[in-house]
C-alpha atoms as a PDB file:
ATOM      1  CA  UNK A   1    -140.647 114.538  74.949  1.00  0.00           C
ATOM      2  CA  UNK A   2    -139.901 112.767  71.680  1.00  0.00           C
ATOM      3  CA  UNK A   3    -142.232 115.128  69.802  1.00  0.00           C
ATOM      4  CA  UNK A   4    -140.150 118.189  70.699  1.00  0.00           C
ATOM      5  CA  UNK A   5    -137.155 117.121  68.619  1.00  0.00           C
ATOM      6  CA  UNK A   6    -139.038 116.786  65.290  1.00  0.00           C
ATOM      7  CA  UNK A   7    -141.059 119.889  66.132  1.00  0.00           C
ATOM      8  CA  UNK A   8    -137.907 121.998  66.480  1.00  0.00           C
ATOM      9  CA  UNK A   9    -136.209 120.316  63.496  1.00  0.00           C
ATOM     10  CA  UNK A  10    -139.348 120.850  61.414  1.00  0.00           C
ATOM     11  CA  UNK A  11    -139.339 124.541  62.282  1.00  0.00           C
ATOM     12  CA  UNK A  12    -135.651 124.889  61.428  1.00  0.00           C
ATOM     13  CA  UNK A  13    -135.983 123.006  58.133  1.00  0.00           C
ATOM     14  CA  UNK A  14    -139.149 124.891  57.209  1.00  0.00           C
ATOM     15  CA  UNK A  15    -137.558 128.280  57.847  1.00  0.00           C
ATOM     16  CA  UNK A  16    -134.350 127.228  56.040  1.00  0.00           C
ATOM     17  CA  UNK A  17    -136.530 126.269  53.051  1.00  0.00           C
ATOM     18  CA  UNK A  18    -137.943 129.784  52.937  1.00  0.00           C
ATOM     19  CA  UNK A  19    -140.983 129.233  55.114  1.00  0.00           C
ATOM     20  CA  UNK A  20    -142.254 131.398  57.936  1.00  0.00           C
ATOM     21  CA  UNK A  21    -143.013 130.375  61.506  1.00  0.00           C
ATOM     22  CA  UNK A  22    -146.039 132.695  61.302  1.00  0.00           C
ATOM     23  CA  UNK A  23    -147.583 130.322  58.760  1.00  0.00           C
ATOM     24  CA  UNK A  24    -148.246 127.906  61.634  1.00  0.00           C
ATOM     25  CA  UNK A  25    -151.005 130.273  62.745  1.00  0.00           C
ATOM     26  CA  UNK A  26    -152.794 129.449  59.474  1.00  0.00           C
ATOM     27  CA  UNK A  27    -153.244 125.792  60.386  1.00  0.00           C
ATOM     28  CA  UNK A  28    -156.940 125.010  60.488  1.00  0.00           C
ATOM     29  CA  UNK A  29    -158.167 121.967  62.337  1.00  0.00           C
ATOM     30  CA  UNK A  30    -161.251 121.021  64.245  1.00  0.00           C
ATOM     31  CA  UNK A  31    -161.304 120.471  67.987  1.00  0.00           C
ATOM     32  CA  UNK A  32    -157.730 121.524  68.857  1.00  0.00           C
ATOM     33  CA  UNK A  33    -158.589 121.041  72.536  1.00  0.00           C
ATOM     34  CA  UNK A  34    -159.203 117.359  71.836  1.00  0.00           C
ATOM     35  CA  UNK A  35    -155.504 116.611  71.409  1.00  0.00           C
ATOM     36  CA  UNK A  36    -154.778 118.299  74.738  1.00  0.00           C
ATOM     37  CA  UNK A  37    -157.455 116.221  76.473  1.00  0.00           C
ATOM     38  CA  UNK A  38    -155.938 112.993  75.116  1.00  0.00           C
ATOM     39  CA  UNK A  39    -152.445 114.035  76.227  1.00  0.00           C
ATOM     40  CA  UNK A  40    -153.736 114.918  79.708  1.00  0.00           C
ATOM     41  CA  UNK A  41    -155.454 111.513  79.938  1.00  0.00           C
ATOM     42  CA  UNK A  42    -152.228 109.766  78.966  1.00  0.00           C
ATOM     43  CA  UNK A  43    -150.110 111.636  81.478  1.00  0.00           C
ATOM     44  CA  UNK A  44    -152.712 111.315  84.253  1.00  0.00           C
ATOM     45  CA  UNK A  45    -152.825 107.551  83.782  1.00  0.00           C
ATOM     46  CA  UNK A  46    -149.046 107.289  83.875  1.00  0.00           C
ATOM     47  CA  UNK A  47    -148.087 109.845  86.537  1.00  0.00           C
ATOM     48  CA  UNK A  48    -150.876 109.600  89.132  1.00  0.00           C
ATOM     49  CA  UNK A  49    -152.142 106.797  91.360  1.00  0.00           C
ATOM     50  CA  UNK A  50    -154.584 106.008  88.541  1.00  0.00           C
ATOM     51  CA  UNK A  51    -151.778 103.880  87.098  1.00  0.00           C
ATOM     52  CA  UNK A  52    -152.507 101.306  89.807  1.00  0.00           C
ATOM     53  CA  UNK A  53    -156.217 100.982  88.972  1.00  0.00           C
ATOM     54  CA  UNK A  54    -157.010  97.845  86.991  1.00  0.00           C
ATOM     55  CA  UNK A  55    -158.947  98.717  83.845  1.00  0.00           C
ATOM     56  CA  UNK A  56    -157.492 102.214  83.405  1.00  0.00           C
ATOM     57  CA  UNK A  57    -155.531 100.920  80.419  1.00  0.00           C
ATOM     58  CA  UNK A  58    -158.828 100.676  78.524  1.00  0.00           C
ATOM     59  CA  UNK A  59    -159.390 104.398  79.037  1.00  0.00           C
ATOM     60  CA  UNK A  60    -155.987 105.021  77.518  1.00  0.00           C
ATOM     61  CA  UNK A  61    -156.667 102.683  74.578  1.00  0.00           C
ATOM     62  CA  UNK A  62    -159.982 104.452  73.921  1.00  0.00           C
ATOM     63  CA  UNK A  63    -158.265 107.855  74.056  1.00  0.00           C
ATOM     64  CA  UNK A  64    -155.619 106.656  71.603  1.00  0.00           C
ATOM     65  CA  UNK A  65    -158.311 105.281  69.272  1.00  0.00           C
ATOM     66  CA  UNK A  66    -160.042 108.654  69.393  1.00  0.00           C
ATOM     67  CA  UNK A  67    -156.737 110.389  68.579  1.00  0.00           C
ATOM     68  CA  UNK A  68    -156.232 108.094  65.576  1.00  0.00           C
ATOM     69  CA  UNK A  69    -159.735 109.034  64.397  1.00  0.00           C
ATOM     70  CA  UNK A  70    -159.001 112.741  64.979  1.00  0.00           C
ATOM     71  CA  UNK A  71    -155.835 112.645  62.877  1.00  0.00           C
ATOM     72  CA  UNK A  72    -157.616 110.629  60.161  1.00  0.00           C
ATOM     73  CA  UNK A  73    -160.310 113.316  59.990  1.00  0.00           C
ATOM     74  CA  UNK A  74    -157.615 115.882  59.237  1.00  0.00           C
ATOM     75  CA  UNK A  75    -155.787 114.029  56.463  1.00  0.00           C
ATOM     76  CA  UNK A  76    -157.238 116.246  53.711  1.00  0.00           C
ATOM     77  CA  UNK A  77    -156.866 119.526  55.604  1.00  0.00           C
ATOM     78  CA  UNK A  78    -153.503 119.056  57.333  1.00  0.00           C
ATOM     79  CA  UNK A  79    -150.775 117.940  54.904  1.00  0.00           C
ATOM     80  CA  UNK A  80    -148.534 115.213  56.299  1.00  0.00           C
ATOM     81  CA  UNK A  81    -150.794 114.257  59.208  1.00  0.00           C
ATOM     82  CA  UNK A  82    -151.415 110.881  57.578  1.00  0.00           C
ATOM     83  CA  UNK A  83    -147.913 109.909  58.778  1.00  0.00           C
ATOM     84  CA  UNK A  84    -148.940 110.714  62.366  1.00  0.00           C
ATOM     85  CA  UNK A  85    -152.115 108.676  61.841  1.00  0.00           C
ATOM     86  CA  UNK A  86    -150.069 105.710  60.627  1.00  0.00           C
ATOM     87  CA  UNK A  87    -147.784 105.781  63.682  1.00  0.00           C
ATOM     88  CA  UNK A  88    -150.651 106.198  66.157  1.00  0.00           C
ATOM     89  CA  UNK A  89    -152.557 103.360  64.468  1.00  0.00           C
ATOM     90  CA  UNK A  90    -149.493 101.089  64.772  1.00  0.00           C
ATOM     91  CA  UNK A  91    -149.359 101.872  68.497  1.00  0.00           C
ATOM     92  CA  UNK A  92    -153.067 101.207  68.842  1.00  0.00           C
ATOM     93  CA  UNK A  93    -152.757  97.824  67.103  1.00  0.00           C
ATOM     94  CA  UNK A  94    -150.024  96.578  69.438  1.00  0.00           C
ATOM     95  CA  UNK A  95    -151.861  97.942  72.495  1.00  0.00           C
ATOM     96  CA  UNK A  96    -155.130  96.237  71.553  1.00  0.00           C
ATOM     97  CA  UNK A  97    -153.253  92.990  70.791  1.00  0.00           C
ATOM     98  CA  UNK A  98    -151.813  93.024  74.330  1.00  0.00           C
ATOM     99  CA  UNK A  99    -154.829  93.642  76.552  1.00  0.00           C
ATOM    100  CA  UNK A 100    -154.880  97.434  76.125  1.00  0.00           C
ATOM    101  CA  UNK A 101    -151.295  97.770  77.344  1.00  0.00           C
ATOM    102  CA  UNK A 102    -148.124  98.777  75.493  1.00  0.00           C
ATOM    103  CA  UNK A 103    -145.396  96.161  76.026  1.00  0.00           C
ATOM    104  CA  UNK A 104    -141.977  97.507  77.030  1.00  0.00           C
ATOM    105  CA  UNK A 105    -138.693  95.632  76.550  1.00  0.00           C
ATOM    106  CA  UNK A 106    -137.178  94.521  79.879  1.00  0.00           C
ATOM    107  CA  UNK A 107    -133.896  96.306  79.092  1.00  0.00           C
ATOM    108  CA  UNK A 108    -135.784  99.622  78.946  1.00  0.00           C
ATOM    109  CA  UNK A 109    -138.295  98.992  81.707  1.00  0.00           C
ATOM    110  CA  UNK A 110    -137.601 100.354  85.163  1.00  0.00           C
ATOM    111  CA  UNK A 111    -140.644 100.175  87.417  1.00  0.00           C
ATOM    112  CA  UNK A 112    -142.256  97.495  85.277  1.00  0.00           C
ATOM    113  CA  UNK A 113    -139.645  94.885  86.178  1.00  0.00           C
ATOM    114  CA  UNK A 114    -140.882  94.648  89.757  1.00  0.00           C
ATOM    115  CA  UNK A 115    -144.576  95.250  89.022  1.00  0.00           C
ATOM    116  CA  UNK A 116    -145.210  93.582  85.659  1.00  0.00           C
ATOM    117  CA  UNK A 117    -147.489  96.418  84.553  1.00  0.00           C
ATOM    118  CA  UNK A 118    -148.105 100.065  85.283  1.00  0.00           C
ATOM    119  CA  UNK A 119    -151.076 101.925  83.825  1.00  0.00           C
ATOM    120  CA  UNK A 120    -151.012 101.417  80.083  1.00  0.00           C
ATOM    121  CA  UNK A 121    -147.615  99.656  80.083  1.00  0.00           C
ATOM    122  CA  UNK A 122    -146.729  95.998  80.575  1.00  0.00           C
ATOM    123  CA  UNK A 123    -143.399  94.187  80.671  1.00  0.00           C
ATOM    124  CA  UNK A 124    -142.641  92.462  77.371  1.00  0.00           C
ATOM    125  CA  UNK A 125    -142.259  88.705  77.589  1.00  0.00           C
ATOM    126  CA  UNK A 126    -142.596  85.487  75.588  1.00  0.00           C
ATOM    127  CA  UNK A 127    -146.379  85.876  75.383  1.00  0.00           C
ATOM    128  CA  UNK A 128    -146.225  89.395  73.949  1.00  0.00           C
ATOM    129  CA  UNK A 129    -148.100  89.851  70.692  1.00  0.00           C
ATOM    130  CA  UNK A 130    -146.532  91.939  67.921  1.00  0.00           C
ATOM    131  CA  UNK A 131    -143.455  92.694  70.015  1.00  0.00           C
ATOM    132  CA  UNK A 132    -141.771  94.324  67.014  1.00  0.00           C
ATOM    133  CA  UNK A 133    -144.377  97.141  67.308  1.00  0.00           C
ATOM    134  CA  UNK A 134    -143.860  97.541  71.074  1.00  0.00           C
ATOM    135  CA  UNK A 135    -141.559  99.865  73.041  1.00  0.00           C
ATOM    136  CA  UNK A 136    -138.141  98.338  72.365  1.00  0.00           C
ATOM    137  CA  UNK A 137    -136.203 101.310  70.975  1.00  0.00           C
ATOM    138  CA  UNK A 138    -134.151 103.287  73.483  1.00  0.00           C
ATOM    139  CA  UNK A 139    -132.417 106.626  73.137  1.00  0.00           C
ATOM    140  CA  UNK A 140    -129.839 107.760  75.682  1.00  0.00           C
ATOM    141  CA  UNK A 141    -130.019 111.426  74.689  1.00  0.00           C
ATOM    142  CA  UNK A 142    -131.813 113.861  74.197  1.00  0.00           C
ATOM    143  CA  UNK A 143    -135.089 111.952  74.669  1.00  0.00           C
ATOM    144  CA  UNK A 144    -134.350 109.139  77.077  1.00  0.00           C
ATOM    145  CA  UNK A 145    -136.969 106.462  77.289  1.00  0.00           C
ATOM    146  CA  UNK A 146    -138.523 103.479  75.565  1.00  0.00           C
ATOM    147  CA  UNK A 147    -140.153 104.058  72.196  1.00  0.00           C
ATOM    148  CA  UNK A 148    -142.001 102.002  69.634  1.00  0.00           C
ATOM    149  CA  UNK A 149    -141.681 102.128  65.848  1.00  0.00           C
ATOM    150  CA  UNK A 150    -145.098 103.840  65.940  1.00  0.00           C
ATOM    151  CA  UNK A 151    -143.684 106.555  68.216  1.00  0.00           C
ATOM    152  CA  UNK A 152    -140.877 107.186  65.720  1.00  0.00           C
ATOM    153  CA  UNK A 153    -143.361 107.378  62.833  1.00  0.00           C
ATOM    154  CA  UNK A 154    -145.477 109.841  64.858  1.00  0.00           C
ATOM    155  CA  UNK A 155    -142.381 111.965  65.520  1.00  0.00           C
ATOM    156  CA  UNK A 156    -141.417 111.968  61.839  1.00  0.00           C
ATOM    157  CA  UNK A 157    -145.024 112.849  60.961  1.00  0.00           C
ATOM    158  CA  UNK A 158    -145.022 115.806  63.342  1.00  0.00           C
ATOM    159  CA  UNK A 159    -141.831 117.054  61.731  1.00  0.00           C
ATOM    160  CA  UNK A 160    -143.374 116.707  58.262  1.00  0.00           C
ATOM    161  CA  UNK A 161    -146.552 118.527  59.324  1.00  0.00           C
ATOM    162  CA  UNK A 162    -144.511 121.405  60.765  1.00  0.00           C
ATOM    163  CA  UNK A 163    -142.267 121.656  57.700  1.00  0.00           C
ATOM    164  CA  UNK A 164    -145.238 121.671  55.313  1.00  0.00           C
ATOM    165  CA  UNK A 165    -147.209 124.127  57.429  1.00  0.00           C
ATOM    166  CA  UNK A 166    -144.219 126.447  57.720  1.00  0.00           C
ATOM    167  CA  UNK A 167    -143.505 126.566  53.980  1.00  0.00           C
ATOM    168  CA  UNK A 168    -147.179 126.688  52.939  1.00  0.00           C
ATOM    169  CA  UNK A 169    -147.987 129.946  51.179  1.00  0.00           C
ATOM    170  CA  UNK A 170    -151.474 131.454  51.546  1.00  0.00           C
ATOM    171  CA  UNK A 171    -153.436 131.435  48.298  1.00  0.00           C
ATOM    172  CA  UNK A 172    -153.781 134.749  46.464  1.00  0.00           C
ATOM    173  CA  UNK A 173    -157.125 136.407  47.007  1.00  0.00           C
ATOM    174  CA  UNK A 174    -157.510 135.100  50.536  1.00  0.00           C
ATOM    175  CA  UNK A 175    -157.403 137.381  53.498  1.00  0.00           C
ATOM    176  CA  UNK A 176    -153.925 136.077  54.370  1.00  0.00           C
ATOM    177  CA  UNK A 177    -152.708 136.485  50.803  1.00  0.00           C
ATOM    178  CA  UNK A 178    -153.673 140.164  50.813  1.00  0.00           C
ATOM    179  CA  UNK A 179    -151.378 141.145  53.677  1.00  0.00           C
END
């Protein structure tokens, strides 16, 4: 849900800066389905009974590592995506440092308080590694939940990518530039 806010803001800022929403159709990246697969894996692990299977957190960590690699592959072709890569890598570091689970601050944890862990999440405690990179940031509105600094960097990166893609002008002589 956090990604929707910078997505909409990026569109508004891009259009206000003279860009066109239609320019988003010009974005070229490899394996667009890959991002959807990773998001489905994440949601399936969190929202289905899979979240009670021990070891499923490693599937999530592997999917996140693959997403970091995917964004890194697009740094030269998708302006601003390096910010998304940085945020996702920060999340991956804290997850790997904590047994393939993202620690969540007790004040923001609901189900975790009684269970200790759920899918790829674990309750933050004294033994948590790199707790400053974990989910400790809460927003009451419009995107309630627990977020990490990496999540915020990812959100900012998505906004930057959308702004840059919206204001990007096709080069003269290309098929798009001729229209």
